Amino acid sequence: MSRRTLMLAGAALPAMSWVRAQGAGFPERQVRIVSAFPAGLSPDAATRLVAERMSRSWSQPVVIEPRPGANGFLATGAVMGAPADGHTLLLASNAHFTINPALMSKLPYDPERDFVPVSLIYRAPFFLYVGANSPYQNVGQLVAAAAKSPGRISYASPYVGSPPHLGCAALAHLSGTDMMAVQFKDSGPLIASVVTGEVDFLLLTKGSAAPMARAGRLRLLAAATERRVASDPEVPTVRESGGPAGVDVQSWVGLLARRDTPPELVQRLAAEIGRASADATVRERLAAMGVDPAAGETDLAATFRRELAANAALIKRVGIRAE
């Protein structure tokens, strides 16, 4: 080995030792999770369960700071401006990292250049619901009505490009029908529009639909998935309910860090999130919310890239445009 190589290797040792030392003593202070979601919604509630266990394990506070709005730009900007030392994380979803980049020509962040995935918190499949008094008993009847009267059958969804919007647009496209999207800013009016019959159907996660479903005001027709959901094996898929094949809608929520965060810290964070998510009480409460713990999934970067490519193709196929 040359003298120059030895000198370079020696120079690198202090930096490597510093990273290992940082990982060993992490966290040194409060860990802040900047959330792209409002307080009280499922992403916030689920992450608080995990954060509480992490805080106990570390004997350091793990706090969630909601910064909703602007398609997640407020939250992503806050994390991009924080030190890359693992003490500031971003709570976001597939809408922000595998849909927005395919939907919008300009983003104030680059999913791969600016962030590294740490761990998922949960995945949640979507289900197709109609109002309790709806005449449609299955998806086949809904599609037949849309085919008979183009533009008359409507669906409620949040903002343009949200997972339920993409899913409903895919249902219309795959069934060769013309259905009308009705966008809502808040979940309350969105769900109420289907309960009252103003809008024909919507896609919701089980947790979001639970209050109205238990009250008998929403009726479940199908799982918007290609295979039956393990937690609800009696519920047919869209295809089994008379709709087209290929409708598969889910959301995930996860934690990300700045791209230049030391890998040792990312690994330590992922391991701690995994341990917290494995807690029996946490898993029980997540199940009650209608979501599936997903902290153990590996190679998230590859998963993100696959989803981004698939969403880009879907968005192009159905012709969705961001406002």
Protein backbone atom coordinates (compact mmCIF):
# COMPACT_ATOMS: atom_id res chain seq x y z
CA MET A 1 0.00 0.00 0.00
CA SER A 2 1.42 3.41 -0.99
CA ARG A 3 2.20 6.18 1.49
CA ARG A 4 -0.54 8.36 -0.15
CA THR A 5 -3.14 5.58 0.26
CA LEU A 6 -2.21 5.16 3.91
CA MET A 7 -2.52 8.90 4.48
CA LEU A 8 -5.97 9.03 2.84
CA ALA A 9 -7.17 6.03 4.82
CA GLY A 10 -5.90 7.60 8.02
CA ALA A 11 -7.71 10.85 7.24
CA ALA A 12 -10.97 8.97 6.71
CA LEU A 13 -10.82 7.18 10.05
CA PRO A 14 -11.81 10.16 12.26
CA ALA A 15 -14.89 10.82 10.08
CA MET A 16 -15.92 7.15 10.19
CA SER A 17 -15.38 7.04 13.94
CA TRP A 18 -17.48 10.20 14.38
CA VAL A 19 -20.39 8.63 12.43
CA ARG A 20 -20.20 5.45 14.52
CA ALA A 21 -20.07 7.51 17.70
CA GLN A 22 -23.06 9.53 16.63
CA GLY A 23 -24.98 6.34 15.92
CA ALA A 24 -24.05 4.85 19.28
CA GLY A 25 -25.22 7.90 21.22
CA PHE A 26 -28.30 8.65 19.17
CA PRO A 27 -30.59 10.35 19.94
CA GLU A 28 -28.86 13.08 21.89
CA ARG A 29 -31.97 15.22 22.23
CA GLN A 30 -35.61 15.44 21.17
CA VAL A 31 -36.52 13.79 17.87
CA ARG A 32 -38.94 15.86 15.80
CA ILE A 33 -41.29 14.31 13.26
CA VAL A 34 -42.61 16.95 10.86
CA SER A 35 -45.93 15.68 9.52
CA ALA A 36 -47.57 16.51 6.20
CA PHE A 37 -50.93 15.59 7.77
CA PRO A 38 -53.32 17.41 10.09
CA ALA A 39 -53.43 16.32 13.72
CA GLY A 40 -56.04 13.68 14.51
CA LEU A 41 -56.11 11.85 11.17
CA SER A 42 -54.95 8.23 10.85
CA PRO A 43 -51.34 9.05 9.85
CA ASP A 44 -50.98 11.31 12.87
CA ALA A 45 -52.68 8.92 15.29
CA ALA A 46 -50.76 5.85 14.10
CA THR A 47 -47.39 7.57 14.20
CA ARG A 48 -48.04 8.89 17.71
CA LEU A 49 -48.46 5.30 18.88
CA VAL A 50 -45.06 4.37 17.46
CA ALA A 51 -43.42 7.61 18.61
CA GLU A 52 -44.56 7.01 22.19
CA ARG A 53 -42.80 3.61 22.27
CA MET A 54 -39.68 5.08 20.70
CA SER A 55 -39.61 7.82 23.31
CA ARG A 56 -39.81 5.26 26.12
CA SER A 57 -37.00 3.21 24.63
CA TRP A 58 -34.69 6.18 24.07
CA SER A 59 -35.63 8.21 27.16
CA GLN A 60 -35.86 11.15 24.81
CA PRO A 61 -39.03 12.90 23.64
CA VAL A 62 -40.27 12.07 20.13
CA VAL A 63 -42.71 14.78 19.11
CA ILE A 64 -44.92 15.16 16.06
CA GLU A 65 -45.24 18.59 14.51
CA PRO A 66 -48.15 18.81 12.03
CA ARG A 67 -47.45 21.03 9.02
CA PRO A 68 -50.23 20.12 6.60
CA GLY A 69 -51.07 21.94 3.41
CA ALA A 70 -49.59 22.87 0.03
CA ASN A 71 -49.41 19.23 -1.14
CA GLY A 72 -46.88 18.43 1.56
CA PHE A 73 -44.51 21.23 0.52
CA LEU A 74 -44.57 22.87 3.97
CA ALA A 75 -43.48 19.70 5.74
CA THR A 76 -40.88 18.66 3.17
CA GLY A 77 -39.38 22.16 3.18
CA ALA A 78 -39.08 22.16 6.96
CA VAL A 79 -37.15 18.88 6.95
CA MET A 80 -34.94 19.88 4.03
CA GLY A 81 -33.90 22.94 6.04
CA ALA A 82 -33.05 20.96 9.18
CA PRO A 83 -29.67 19.34 10.02
CA ALA A 84 -29.14 15.88 8.55
CA ASP A 85 -28.47 14.31 11.94
CA GLY A 86 -31.53 12.05 12.28
CA HIS A 87 -33.22 14.28 14.84
CA THR A 88 -35.72 15.68 12.30
CA LEU A 89 -37.81 13.28 10.23
CA LEU A 90 -40.59 13.68 7.69
CA LEU A 91 -43.92 11.88 7.96
CA ALA A 92 -45.36 11.57 4.45
CA SER A 93 -47.24 9.18 2.18
CA ASN A 94 -47.23 7.73 -1.31
CA ALA A 95 -49.23 10.79 -2.41
CA HIS A 96 -46.16 12.94 -1.68
CA PHE A 97 -43.42 10.61 -2.89
CA THR A 98 -44.75 8.38 -5.65
CA ILE A 99 -47.74 10.35 -6.99
CA ASN A 100 -46.87 14.07 -6.79
CA PRO A 101 -43.61 13.62 -8.74
CA ALA A 102 -45.52 11.88 -11.54
CA LEU A 103 -48.36 14.40 -11.44
CA MET A 104 -46.60 17.74 -11.16
CA SER A 105 -44.05 19.15 -13.54
CA LYS A 106 -42.36 21.17 -10.81
CA LEU A 107 -41.80 20.14 -7.20
CA PRO A 108 -39.76 21.98 -4.56
CA TYR A 109 -38.14 18.66 -3.66
CA ASP A 110 -36.75 15.62 -5.43
CA PRO A 111 -37.80 12.34 -3.76
CA GLU A 112 -34.53 10.54 -4.48
CA ARG A 113 -32.06 13.42 -4.37
CA ASP A 114 -33.36 15.07 -1.20
CA PHE A 115 -34.69 12.22 0.96
CA VAL A 116 -33.92 8.69 2.05
CA PRO A 117 -36.73 6.37 3.22
CA VAL A 118 -36.30 5.23 6.82
CA SER A 119 -39.33 3.02 7.47
CA LEU A 120 -42.97 2.64 6.62
CA ILE A 121 -45.46 2.97 9.47
CA TYR A 122 -48.44 1.29 7.81
CA ARG A 123 -50.19 0.40 4.61
CA ALA A 124 -53.95 0.74 4.19
CA PRO A 125 -56.10 -0.71 1.41
CA PHE A 126 -59.09 1.21 0.11
CA PHE A 127 -62.66 -0.05 -0.13
CA LEU A 128 -65.52 1.08 -2.35
CA TYR A 129 -68.56 2.42 -0.49
CA VAL A 130 -71.97 3.73 -1.51
CA GLY A 131 -74.64 5.37 0.61
CA ALA A 132 -76.96 3.12 2.59
CA ASN A 133 -79.87 4.04 0.30
CA SER A 134 -77.94 3.66 -2.94
CA PRO A 135 -79.65 1.49 -5.59
CA TYR A 136 -76.32 -0.17 -6.45
CA GLN A 137 -75.78 -3.56 -4.84
CA ASN A 138 -72.44 -4.34 -6.49
CA VAL A 139 -69.77 -2.71 -8.62
CA GLY A 140 -71.15 -4.30 -11.76
CA GLN A 141 -74.40 -2.36 -11.37
CA LEU A 142 -72.48 0.86 -10.76
CA VAL A 143 -70.40 0.35 -13.91
CA ALA A 144 -73.49 -0.56 -15.96
CA ALA A 145 -75.17 2.69 -14.88
CA ALA A 146 -72.06 4.64 -15.85
CA ALA A 147 -71.98 2.96 -19.25
CA LYS A 148 -75.66 3.75 -19.84
CA SER A 149 -75.39 7.42 -18.84
CA PRO A 150 -71.88 8.83 -19.43
CA GLY A 151 -70.89 11.49 -16.91
CA ARG A 152 -73.84 10.86 -14.58
CA ILE A 153 -72.20 8.51 -12.07
CA SER A 154 -69.99 10.53 -9.72
CA TYR A 155 -67.36 9.79 -7.12
CA ALA A 156 -66.11 11.85 -4.20
CA SER A 157 -62.40 12.26 -3.61
CA PRO A 158 -59.91 14.52 -1.90
CA TYR A 159 -57.44 16.64 -3.88
CA VAL A 160 -56.46 15.91 -7.47
CA GLY A 161 -54.02 13.02 -7.64
CA SER A 162 -54.82 11.55 -4.23
CA PRO A 163 -54.83 7.72 -4.07
CA PRO A 164 -58.67 7.54 -4.02
CA HIS A 165 -58.88 9.98 -6.95
CA LEU A 166 -56.41 7.90 -8.95
CA GLY A 167 -58.26 4.72 -7.99
CA CYS A 168 -61.68 5.99 -9.07
CA ALA A 169 -60.23 7.38 -12.30
CA ALA A 170 -58.65 3.98 -12.95
CA LEU A 171 -62.00 2.27 -12.32
CA ALA A 172 -63.65 4.50 -14.91
CA HIS A 173 -60.82 4.02 -17.39
CA LEU A 174 -60.59 0.25 -17.00
CA SER A 175 -64.36 -0.14 -17.32
CA GLY A 176 -64.46 2.12 -20.38
CA THR A 177 -66.90 4.53 -18.75
CA ASP A 178 -67.08 8.25 -18.09
CA MET A 179 -67.47 9.03 -14.38
CA MET A 180 -67.41 12.48 -12.81
CA ALA A 181 -64.92 13.39 -10.08
CA VAL A 182 -66.18 15.63 -7.27
CA GLN A 183 -63.31 16.97 -5.17
CA PHE A 184 -63.59 18.00 -1.51
CA LYS A 185 -61.09 19.75 0.75
CA ASP A 186 -62.29 18.10 3.96
CA SER A 187 -63.17 14.50 4.75
CA GLY A 188 -66.42 15.35 6.55
CA PRO A 189 -68.26 16.85 3.55
CA LEU A 190 -66.64 14.25 1.28
CA ILE A 191 -68.17 11.34 3.18
CA ALA A 192 -71.44 13.19 3.78
CA SER A 193 -71.92 13.68 0.04
CA VAL A 194 -72.13 9.92 -0.47
CA VAL A 195 -74.19 9.33 2.67
CA THR A 196 -76.84 11.77 1.38
CA GLY A 197 -76.73 10.43 -2.17
CA GLU A 198 -75.45 13.69 -3.65
CA VAL A 199 -72.45 11.70 -4.95
CA ASP A 200 -72.68 8.03 -5.94
CA PHE A 201 -69.60 6.39 -4.41
CA LEU A 202 -66.14 6.86 -2.96
CA LEU A 203 -63.03 4.98 -1.94
CA LEU A 204 -62.10 5.02 1.74
CA THR A 205 -59.84 3.13 4.09
CA LYS A 206 -61.67 0.96 6.62
CA GLY A 207 -60.70 3.26 9.49
CA SER A 208 -62.01 6.40 7.79
CA ALA A 209 -65.28 4.71 6.86
CA ALA A 210 -65.84 2.98 10.19
CA PRO A 211 -68.03 5.56 11.98
CA MET A 212 -70.52 5.91 9.11
CA ALA A 213 -70.39 2.21 8.26
CA ARG A 214 -71.15 1.24 11.88
CA ALA A 215 -74.02 3.73 11.90
CA GLY A 216 -75.47 2.05 8.82
CA ARG A 217 -75.06 5.13 6.62
CA LEU A 218 -72.40 3.74 4.29
CA ARG A 219 -72.58 0.36 2.57
CA LEU A 220 -69.47 -1.56 1.57
CA LEU A 221 -69.47 -3.01 -1.96
CA ALA A 222 -65.91 -4.18 -2.58
CA ALA A 223 -62.24 -4.02 -1.76
CA ALA A 224 -60.41 -1.84 -4.27
CA THR A 225 -57.63 -4.40 -4.46
CA GLU A 226 -56.58 -7.12 -6.86
CA ARG A 227 -56.74 -9.76 -4.11
CA ARG A 228 -59.04 -10.02 -1.12
CA VAL A 229 -57.78 -8.21 1.97
CA ALA A 230 -56.55 -10.61 4.66
CA SER A 231 -58.35 -8.72 7.44
CA ASP A 232 -61.66 -8.76 5.51
CA PRO A 233 -61.64 -12.04 3.54
CA GLU A 234 -65.43 -11.99 3.11
CA VAL A 235 -65.34 -8.74 1.10
CA PRO A 236 -65.12 -9.31 -2.69
CA THR A 237 -62.67 -7.40 -4.83
CA VAL A 238 -63.86 -4.88 -7.40
CA ARG A 239 -63.41 -7.52 -10.10
CA GLU A 240 -65.33 -10.13 -8.11
CA SER A 241 -68.11 -7.58 -7.60
CA GLY A 242 -68.59 -7.13 -11.34
CA GLY A 243 -66.06 -4.41 -12.02
CA PRO A 244 -62.89 -4.50 -14.14
CA ALA A 245 -59.64 -6.21 -13.18
CA GLY A 246 -56.64 -4.10 -12.30
CA VAL A 247 -58.09 -1.76 -9.67
CA ASP A 248 -55.63 -1.77 -6.78
CA VAL A 249 -55.63 1.23 -4.44
CA GLN A 250 -53.72 1.60 -1.23
CA SER A 251 -51.91 4.24 0.74
CA TRP A 252 -48.78 4.00 2.80
CA VAL A 253 -47.44 6.32 5.44
CA GLY A 254 -43.79 6.38 6.38
CA LEU A 255 -40.86 8.27 7.82
CA LEU A 256 -38.07 9.75 5.73
CA ALA A 257 -34.86 11.59 6.51
CA ARG A 258 -32.66 13.98 4.60
CA ARG A 259 -30.62 12.15 1.95
CA ASP A 260 -27.27 13.03 3.56
CA THR A 261 -28.20 11.56 6.94
CA PRO A 262 -25.47 9.04 7.92
CA PRO A 263 -26.56 5.49 6.97
CA GLU A 264 -25.83 4.25 10.50
CA LEU A 265 -28.44 6.65 11.88
CA VAL A 266 -30.98 5.67 9.22
CA GLN A 267 -30.48 2.01 10.14
CA ARG A 268 -30.80 2.73 13.85
CA LEU A 269 -33.99 4.70 13.28
CA ALA A 270 -35.46 1.93 11.13
CA ALA A 271 -34.63 -0.70 13.75
CA GLU A 272 -36.21 1.33 16.54
CA ILE A 273 -39.37 1.98 14.50
CA GLY A 274 -39.55 -1.75 13.81
CA ARG A 275 -39.29 -2.58 17.51
CA ALA A 276 -41.91 0.00 18.44
CA SER A 277 -44.28 -1.24 15.73
CA ALA A 278 -43.89 -4.83 16.91
CA ASP A 279 -45.36 -3.93 20.32
CA ALA A 280 -48.55 -5.94 20.78
CA THR A 281 -50.58 -2.94 21.93
CA VAL A 282 -49.42 -0.86 18.98
CA ARG A 283 -50.32 -3.61 16.51
CA GLU A 284 -53.72 -4.09 18.13
CA ARG A 285 -54.53 -0.39 17.94
CA LEU A 286 -53.31 -0.09 14.36
CA ALA A 287 -55.54 -3.01 13.41
CA ALA A 288 -58.47 -1.25 15.07
CA MET A 289 -57.74 1.72 12.82
CA GLY A 290 -58.00 -0.52 9.75
CA VAL A 291 -54.34 -0.32 8.75
CA ASP A 292 -51.56 -2.88 8.43
CA PRO A 293 -48.22 -2.33 10.22
CA ALA A 294 -45.46 -2.20 7.60
CA ALA A 295 -42.28 -1.27 9.45
CA GLY A 296 -40.55 -4.52 8.48
CA GLU A 297 -40.57 -3.91 4.74
CA THR A 298 -37.12 -3.74 3.15
CA ASP A 299 -35.57 -2.01 0.13
CA LEU A 300 -38.01 0.87 0.29
CA ALA A 301 -36.06 2.89 -2.28
CA ALA A 302 -36.75 0.22 -4.91
CA THR A 303 -40.41 0.07 -3.87
CA PHE A 304 -40.70 3.84 -4.26
CA ARG A 305 -39.14 3.73 -7.73
CA ARG A 306 -41.54 0.98 -8.88
CA GLU A 307 -44.55 2.84 -7.53
CA LEU A 308 -43.44 6.09 -9.13
CA ALA A 309 -43.14 4.40 -12.54
CA ALA A 310 -46.52 2.69 -12.16
CA ASN A 311 -48.24 5.90 -11.06
CA ALA A 312 -46.69 7.89 -13.90
CA ALA A 313 -48.07 5.35 -16.38
CA LEU A 314 -51.52 5.41 -14.73
CA ILE A 315 -51.67 9.21 -14.62
CA LYS A 316 -50.77 9.40 -18.30
CA ARG A 317 -53.31 6.69 -19.18
CA VAL A 318 -56.26 8.27 -17.39
CA GLY A 319 -55.30 11.84 -18.27
CA ILE A 320 -55.22 13.39 -14.79
CA ARG A 321 -53.72 16.87 -14.57
CA ALA A 322 -52.76 18.78 -11.43
CA GLU A 323 -54.36 22.19 -11.07
